[in-house]
């Protein structure tokens, strides 16, 4: 509950996230995973009150069933055990359903869009890029095995060579860093939590921004901030096509200010510390629920009765 409310609010207001957008995406994923694992672990811990659940877990992890009974006993008895089992079952079902629905929808949308683009686009103008005949200067990419980078003829006519290179470097960074997988993962995690934790309902907007900032950083390092900034100013500000990531599809004004400010990345030791803290978010709920069983297993005793 604390991670799902206070933790999400703190992450939303944090200022370091724009300096390390890839870590910020991982932080949101870890936070959502931590909440889900905590709730799932709580349900399993409560359901240990049932003998058959206790026996199955003991056999699975080679533990003493009586130790589990004493280590995870609760005053609620059968009522709390039933509540825990129901909670774990419903939550696991929701996680699997959200993951299946989001991944299937994303795969269908990307396949359909690639099929249309292969018919409408030309691949003989810019190597490795599909060019659509449209006057608006626009660019986007579609991730996956059949990935595509798409630009319009309006972009080629409007931007100079370095600006075009900056846009292409931006889109290539999306593909290289597999941002489509990060976005699908976040949609599934946030979708499972959104009905219970309102803070996750708006989290996708932050993740989309961090994906764009990360791609901006790559393009800036390769081509330069000036060319990237002028390209972003001249691109048509349109929403990203479904199943795609567009160079001008998210928070362009904020990204332009960041380029003007010459935003610095986190120092290496700060990035390492932040990465460890993010990993801890996932480890803590598992450690807490496993602590009683591990403690008794370490002592090498099995209680009787």
Protein backbone atom coordinates (compact mmCIF):
# COMPACT_ATOMS: atom_id res chain seq x y z
CA UNK A 1 0.00 0.00 0.00
CA UNK A 2 2.83 2.40 0.90
CA UNK A 3 4.70 1.72 -2.36
CA UNK A 4 1.51 2.05 -4.40
CA UNK A 5 0.59 5.45 -2.96
CA UNK A 6 3.51 7.26 -1.37
CA UNK A 7 6.13 5.58 -3.58
CA UNK A 8 4.33 6.41 -6.82
CA UNK A 9 3.79 10.00 -5.70
CA UNK A 10 7.48 10.39 -4.83
CA UNK A 11 8.58 8.93 -8.16
CA UNK A 12 6.22 11.25 -10.04
CA UNK A 13 7.70 14.31 -8.34
CA UNK A 14 11.35 13.22 -8.51
CA UNK A 15 13.69 15.46 -10.49
CA UNK A 16 16.44 12.89 -11.15
CA UNK A 17 14.23 10.95 -13.57
CA UNK A 18 14.84 13.31 -16.49
CA UNK A 19 18.60 12.95 -16.00
CA UNK A 20 18.39 9.15 -16.16
CA UNK A 21 15.29 8.28 -18.20
CA UNK A 22 16.20 4.61 -18.67
CA UNK A 23 16.57 4.18 -14.93
CA UNK A 24 13.29 6.03 -14.48
CA UNK A 25 11.48 3.51 -16.68
CA UNK A 26 13.04 0.67 -14.67
CA UNK A 27 11.98 2.43 -11.45
CA UNK A 28 8.33 2.55 -12.52
CA UNK A 29 8.47 -1.11 -13.55
CA UNK A 30 10.12 -2.08 -10.26
CA UNK A 31 7.63 -0.08 -8.22
CA UNK A 32 4.65 -1.71 -9.93
CA UNK A 33 6.25 -5.15 -9.62
CA UNK A 34 6.93 -4.51 -5.93
CA UNK A 35 3.28 -3.68 -5.24
CA UNK A 36 2.05 -6.73 -7.15
CA UNK A 37 4.57 -9.05 -5.49
CA UNK A 38 3.71 -7.67 -2.05
CA UNK A 39 0.01 -8.29 -2.52
CA UNK A 40 0.61 -11.72 -4.02
CA UNK A 41 3.02 -12.67 -1.24
CA UNK A 42 0.55 -11.46 1.38
CA UNK A 43 -2.17 -13.63 -0.09
CA UNK A 44 0.09 -16.68 -0.19
CA UNK A 45 1.30 -16.07 3.37
CA UNK A 46 -2.26 -15.90 4.69
CA UNK A 47 -3.32 -18.99 2.73
CA UNK A 48 -0.64 -21.06 4.47
CA UNK A 49 -3.27 -21.51 7.18
CA UNK A 50 -4.77 -24.20 4.93
CA UNK A 51 -3.09 -27.57 5.40
CA UNK A 52 -3.06 -28.51 1.72
CA UNK A 53 -1.51 -25.15 0.72
CA UNK A 54 1.05 -25.50 3.49
CA UNK A 55 1.90 -29.02 2.40
CA UNK A 56 2.29 -28.07 -1.27
CA UNK A 57 4.62 -25.18 -0.42
CA UNK A 58 6.65 -27.37 1.95
CA UNK A 59 7.15 -30.03 -0.73
CA UNK A 60 7.94 -27.45 -3.40
CA UNK A 61 10.72 -25.77 -1.37
CA UNK A 62 11.72 -28.79 0.74
CA UNK A 63 10.58 -27.15 3.98
CA UNK A 64 8.97 -28.36 7.18
CA UNK A 65 5.19 -27.95 7.02
CA UNK A 66 4.89 -27.45 10.78
CA UNK A 67 7.45 -24.64 10.63
CA UNK A 68 5.32 -22.94 8.00
CA UNK A 69 2.25 -23.35 10.20
CA UNK A 70 3.90 -21.72 13.20
CA UNK A 71 5.85 -19.11 11.25
CA UNK A 72 2.84 -17.82 9.30
CA UNK A 73 0.06 -18.37 11.84
CA UNK A 74 -2.53 -15.58 12.05
CA UNK A 75 -5.38 -14.91 14.53
CA UNK A 76 -7.95 -14.88 11.72
CA UNK A 77 -7.68 -18.61 11.13
CA UNK A 78 -9.69 -20.04 8.25
CA UNK A 79 -11.28 -16.70 7.38
CA UNK A 80 -7.97 -14.95 6.72
CA UNK A 81 -6.61 -18.06 4.98
CA UNK A 82 -9.62 -18.04 2.64
CA UNK A 83 -9.22 -14.30 2.07
CA UNK A 84 -5.52 -14.74 1.33
CA UNK A 85 -6.10 -17.59 -1.11
CA UNK A 86 -8.81 -15.63 -2.90
CA UNK A 87 -6.61 -12.52 -3.04
CA UNK A 88 -3.67 -14.44 -4.49
CA UNK A 89 -5.88 -16.19 -7.04
CA UNK A 90 -7.69 -13.06 -8.21
CA UNK A 91 -4.49 -11.02 -8.38
CA UNK A 92 -2.59 -13.69 -10.30
CA UNK A 93 -5.50 -14.04 -12.70
CA UNK A 94 -5.64 -10.29 -13.27
CA UNK A 95 -1.89 -10.08 -13.89
CA UNK A 96 -2.01 -12.90 -16.44
CA UNK A 97 -5.10 -11.45 -18.13
CA UNK A 98 -3.60 -7.96 -18.41
CA UNK A 99 -0.32 -9.34 -19.75
CA UNK A 100 -2.12 -11.50 -22.33
CA UNK A 101 -4.52 -8.76 -23.43
CA UNK A 102 -1.87 -6.04 -23.75
CA UNK A 103 0.69 -8.22 -25.54
CA UNK A 104 -1.90 -9.62 -27.96
CA UNK A 105 -3.30 -6.18 -28.74
CA UNK A 106 0.16 -4.71 -29.27
CA UNK A 107 1.23 -7.56 -31.53
CA UNK A 108 -1.90 -7.29 -33.67
CA UNK A 109 -1.60 -3.52 -34.02
CA UNK A 110 2.07 -3.68 -35.00
CA UNK A 111 1.46 -6.45 -37.54
CA UNK A 112 -1.47 -4.61 -39.13
CA UNK A 113 0.41 -1.33 -39.29
CA UNK A 114 3.53 -2.93 -40.80
CA UNK A 115 1.42 -4.66 -43.46
CA UNK A 116 -0.13 -1.34 -44.51
CA UNK A 117 3.15 0.57 -44.41
CA UNK A 118 4.92 -2.01 -46.58
CA UNK A 119 2.29 -1.40 -49.25
CA UNK A 120 2.18 2.39 -49.02
CA UNK A 121 5.80 3.20 -48.23
CA UNK A 122 8.86 3.33 -50.47
CA UNK A 123 12.10 1.71 -49.35
CA UNK A 124 14.28 2.88 -52.25
CA UNK A 125 14.72 6.51 -51.16
CA UNK A 126 16.49 6.27 -47.78
CA UNK A 127 18.29 3.01 -46.93
CA UNK A 128 16.54 1.08 -44.15
CA UNK A 129 13.67 3.59 -43.99
CA UNK A 130 10.14 3.57 -45.38
CA UNK A 131 9.06 6.88 -46.91
CA UNK A 132 5.37 7.80 -47.00
CA UNK A 133 4.07 10.38 -49.45
CA UNK A 134 2.69 13.03 -47.09
CA UNK A 135 3.34 16.76 -46.81
CA UNK A 136 3.51 16.88 -42.99
CA UNK A 137 7.08 16.42 -41.63
CA UNK A 138 6.72 13.36 -39.42
CA UNK A 139 8.67 10.29 -38.31
CA UNK A 140 7.96 7.23 -36.20
CA UNK A 141 9.11 3.68 -35.69
CA UNK A 142 7.49 0.32 -34.98
CA UNK A 143 9.37 -2.12 -32.78
CA UNK A 144 9.53 -5.90 -32.85
CA UNK A 145 11.08 -8.48 -35.15
CA UNK A 146 9.54 -6.77 -38.19
CA UNK A 147 10.60 -3.32 -37.03
CA UNK A 148 10.23 -0.31 -39.29
CA UNK A 149 11.46 3.28 -39.32
CA UNK A 150 9.03 5.52 -41.19
CA UNK A 151 9.38 9.12 -42.36
CA UNK A 152 7.25 11.26 -44.64
CA UNK A 153 8.28 12.95 -47.86
CA UNK A 154 7.42 16.21 -46.10
CA UNK A 155 10.13 15.53 -43.54
CA UNK A 156 12.75 14.91 -46.24
CA UNK A 157 11.74 18.14 -48.00
CA UNK A 158 11.64 20.27 -44.83
CA UNK A 159 14.66 19.17 -42.78
CA UNK A 160 18.34 19.45 -43.70
CA UNK A 161 20.68 16.46 -43.67
CA UNK A 162 21.86 16.77 -40.06
CA UNK A 163 18.31 17.26 -38.84
CA UNK A 164 17.21 14.14 -40.72
CA UNK A 165 20.15 12.23 -39.26
CA UNK A 166 19.11 13.37 -35.77
CA UNK A 167 15.55 12.15 -36.30
CA UNK A 168 16.74 8.80 -37.65
CA UNK A 169 19.17 8.43 -34.73
CA UNK A 170 16.27 9.10 -32.36
CA UNK A 171 14.12 6.41 -33.95
CA UNK A 172 17.01 3.94 -34.10
CA UNK A 173 17.54 4.45 -30.36
CA UNK A 174 13.91 3.45 -29.71
CA UNK A 175 14.49 0.20 -31.57
CA UNK A 176 17.93 -0.51 -30.10
CA UNK A 177 16.72 0.03 -26.53
CA UNK A 178 13.55 -2.00 -27.17
CA UNK A 179 11.26 0.69 -25.87
CA UNK A 180 8.24 -1.08 -27.36
CA UNK A 181 8.80 -3.94 -24.91
CA UNK A 182 9.21 -1.52 -22.00
CA UNK A 183 5.94 0.20 -22.90
CA UNK A 184 4.04 -3.08 -23.25
CA UNK A 185 5.39 -4.29 -19.90
CA UNK A 186 4.36 -1.06 -18.19
CA UNK A 187 0.90 -1.15 -19.73
CA UNK A 188 0.36 -4.65 -18.37
CA UNK A 189 1.71 -3.84 -14.89
CA UNK A 190 -0.11 -0.53 -14.57
CA UNK A 191 -3.30 -2.03 -15.97
CA UNK A 192 -3.30 -4.66 -13.24
CA UNK A 193 -2.84 -2.00 -10.53
CA UNK A 194 -4.83 0.96 -11.85
CA UNK A 195 -8.25 -0.06 -10.42
CA UNK A 196 -6.78 -0.22 -6.90
CA UNK A 197 -4.01 2.42 -6.99
CA UNK A 198 -5.01 5.64 -8.80
CA UNK A 199 -1.37 6.80 -8.97
CA UNK A 200 -0.67 4.23 -11.69
CA UNK A 201 -3.48 5.45 -13.95
CA UNK A 202 -1.36 8.34 -15.23
CA UNK A 203 1.98 6.54 -15.03
CA UNK A 204 2.12 5.63 -18.74
CA UNK A 205 2.43 9.32 -19.64
CA UNK A 206 5.64 9.50 -17.61
CA UNK A 207 7.03 6.31 -19.15
CA UNK A 208 6.32 7.58 -22.67
CA UNK A 209 8.20 10.78 -21.85
CA UNK A 210 11.19 8.89 -20.43
CA UNK A 211 11.37 6.73 -23.56
CA UNK A 212 11.51 9.88 -25.69
CA UNK A 213 14.12 11.49 -23.44
CA UNK A 214 16.28 8.38 -23.64
CA UNK A 215 16.08 8.39 -27.45
CA UNK A 216 16.83 12.14 -27.43
CA UNK A 217 19.99 11.50 -25.41
CA UNK A 218 21.23 9.00 -27.98
CA UNK A 219 20.50 11.32 -30.89
CA UNK A 220 22.17 14.23 -29.09
CA UNK A 221 25.33 12.23 -28.47
CA UNK A 222 25.50 11.03 -32.08
CA UNK A 223 24.45 14.13 -34.02
CA UNK A 224 24.32 17.05 -31.60
CA UNK A 225 21.73 18.93 -29.56
CA UNK A 226 21.38 21.80 -32.04
CA UNK A 227 20.33 19.62 -34.99
CA UNK A 228 17.98 17.56 -32.82
CA UNK A 229 16.38 20.67 -31.36
CA UNK A 230 15.78 22.31 -34.73
CA UNK A 231 14.35 19.04 -36.07
CA UNK A 232 11.91 18.73 -33.17
CA UNK A 233 10.78 22.33 -33.69
CA UNK A 234 9.95 21.64 -37.33
CA UNK A 235 8.31 18.25 -36.97
CA UNK A 236 4.52 18.05 -37.01
CA UNK A 237 3.22 17.59 -33.47
CA UNK A 238 0.89 14.63 -33.92
CA UNK A 239 -0.01 11.74 -31.60
CA UNK A 240 2.00 8.58 -32.05
CA UNK A 241 0.27 6.01 -34.26
CA UNK A 242 -1.09 3.05 -32.31
CA UNK A 243 1.69 0.53 -31.73
CA UNK A 244 4.40 3.01 -32.75
CA UNK A 245 6.72 5.63 -31.23
CA UNK A 246 6.96 9.04 -32.87
CA UNK A 247 9.80 11.54 -32.54
CA UNK A 248 7.35 14.39 -31.94
CA UNK A 249 4.61 12.39 -30.23
CA UNK A 250 5.21 13.26 -26.55
CA UNK A 251 5.93 16.43 -24.52
CA UNK A 252 7.90 18.22 -27.22
CA UNK A 253 8.08 21.50 -25.28
CA UNK A 254 9.59 19.84 -22.22
CA UNK A 255 12.10 17.98 -24.37
CA UNK A 256 13.11 21.23 -26.09
CA UNK A 257 13.68 22.92 -22.72
CA UNK A 258 15.80 19.96 -21.64
CA UNK A 259 17.94 20.29 -24.77
CA UNK A 260 18.33 24.03 -24.11
CA UNK A 261 19.43 23.35 -20.53
CA UNK A 262 22.05 20.82 -21.66
CA UNK A 263 20.75 18.30 -19.14
CA UNK A 264 23.48 16.20 -17.60
CA UNK A 265 23.27 12.51 -16.88
CA UNK A 266 23.68 11.05 -13.42
CA UNK A 267 27.21 10.40 -12.26
CA UNK A 268 28.23 6.77 -12.41
CA UNK A 269 28.21 6.16 -8.66
CA UNK A 270 24.81 7.85 -8.32
CA UNK A 271 23.45 5.75 -11.19
CA UNK A 272 24.77 2.56 -9.56
CA UNK A 273 23.20 3.50 -6.22
CA UNK A 274 19.90 4.30 -7.94
CA UNK A 275 19.97 0.99 -9.80
CA UNK A 276 20.54 -0.90 -6.54
CA UNK A 277 17.67 0.98 -4.91
CA UNK A 278 15.40 0.05 -7.82
CA UNK A 279 16.38 -3.62 -7.51
CA UNK A 280 15.66 -3.45 -3.78
CA UNK A 281 12.05 -2.51 -4.52
CA UNK A 282 11.52 -5.97 -6.01
CA UNK A 283 13.62 -7.87 -3.46
CA UNK A 284 12.03 -6.42 -0.30
CA UNK A 285 8.53 -7.99 -0.59
CA UNK A 286 9.99 -11.38 -1.42
CA UNK A 287 12.46 -11.15 1.47
CA UNK A 288 9.79 -10.18 3.99
CA UNK A 289 7.44 -13.00 3.12
CA UNK A 290 10.24 -15.59 3.01
CA UNK A 291 11.97 -14.45 6.23
CA UNK A 292 10.13 -16.75 8.72
CA UNK A 293 10.61 -19.87 6.56
CA UNK A 294 14.27 -19.06 5.86
CA UNK A 295 14.96 -18.43 9.55
CA UNK A 296 13.55 -21.79 10.60
CA UNK A 297 15.21 -23.64 7.73
CA UNK A 298 18.53 -22.06 8.73
CA UNK A 299 18.20 -23.43 12.26
CA UNK A 300 17.63 -26.90 10.83
CA UNK A 301 14.73 -27.78 13.14
CA UNK A 302 11.21 -28.99 12.48
CA UNK A 303 8.57 -28.25 15.09
CA UNK A 304 6.15 -31.01 16.10
CA UNK A 305 2.45 -30.32 16.75
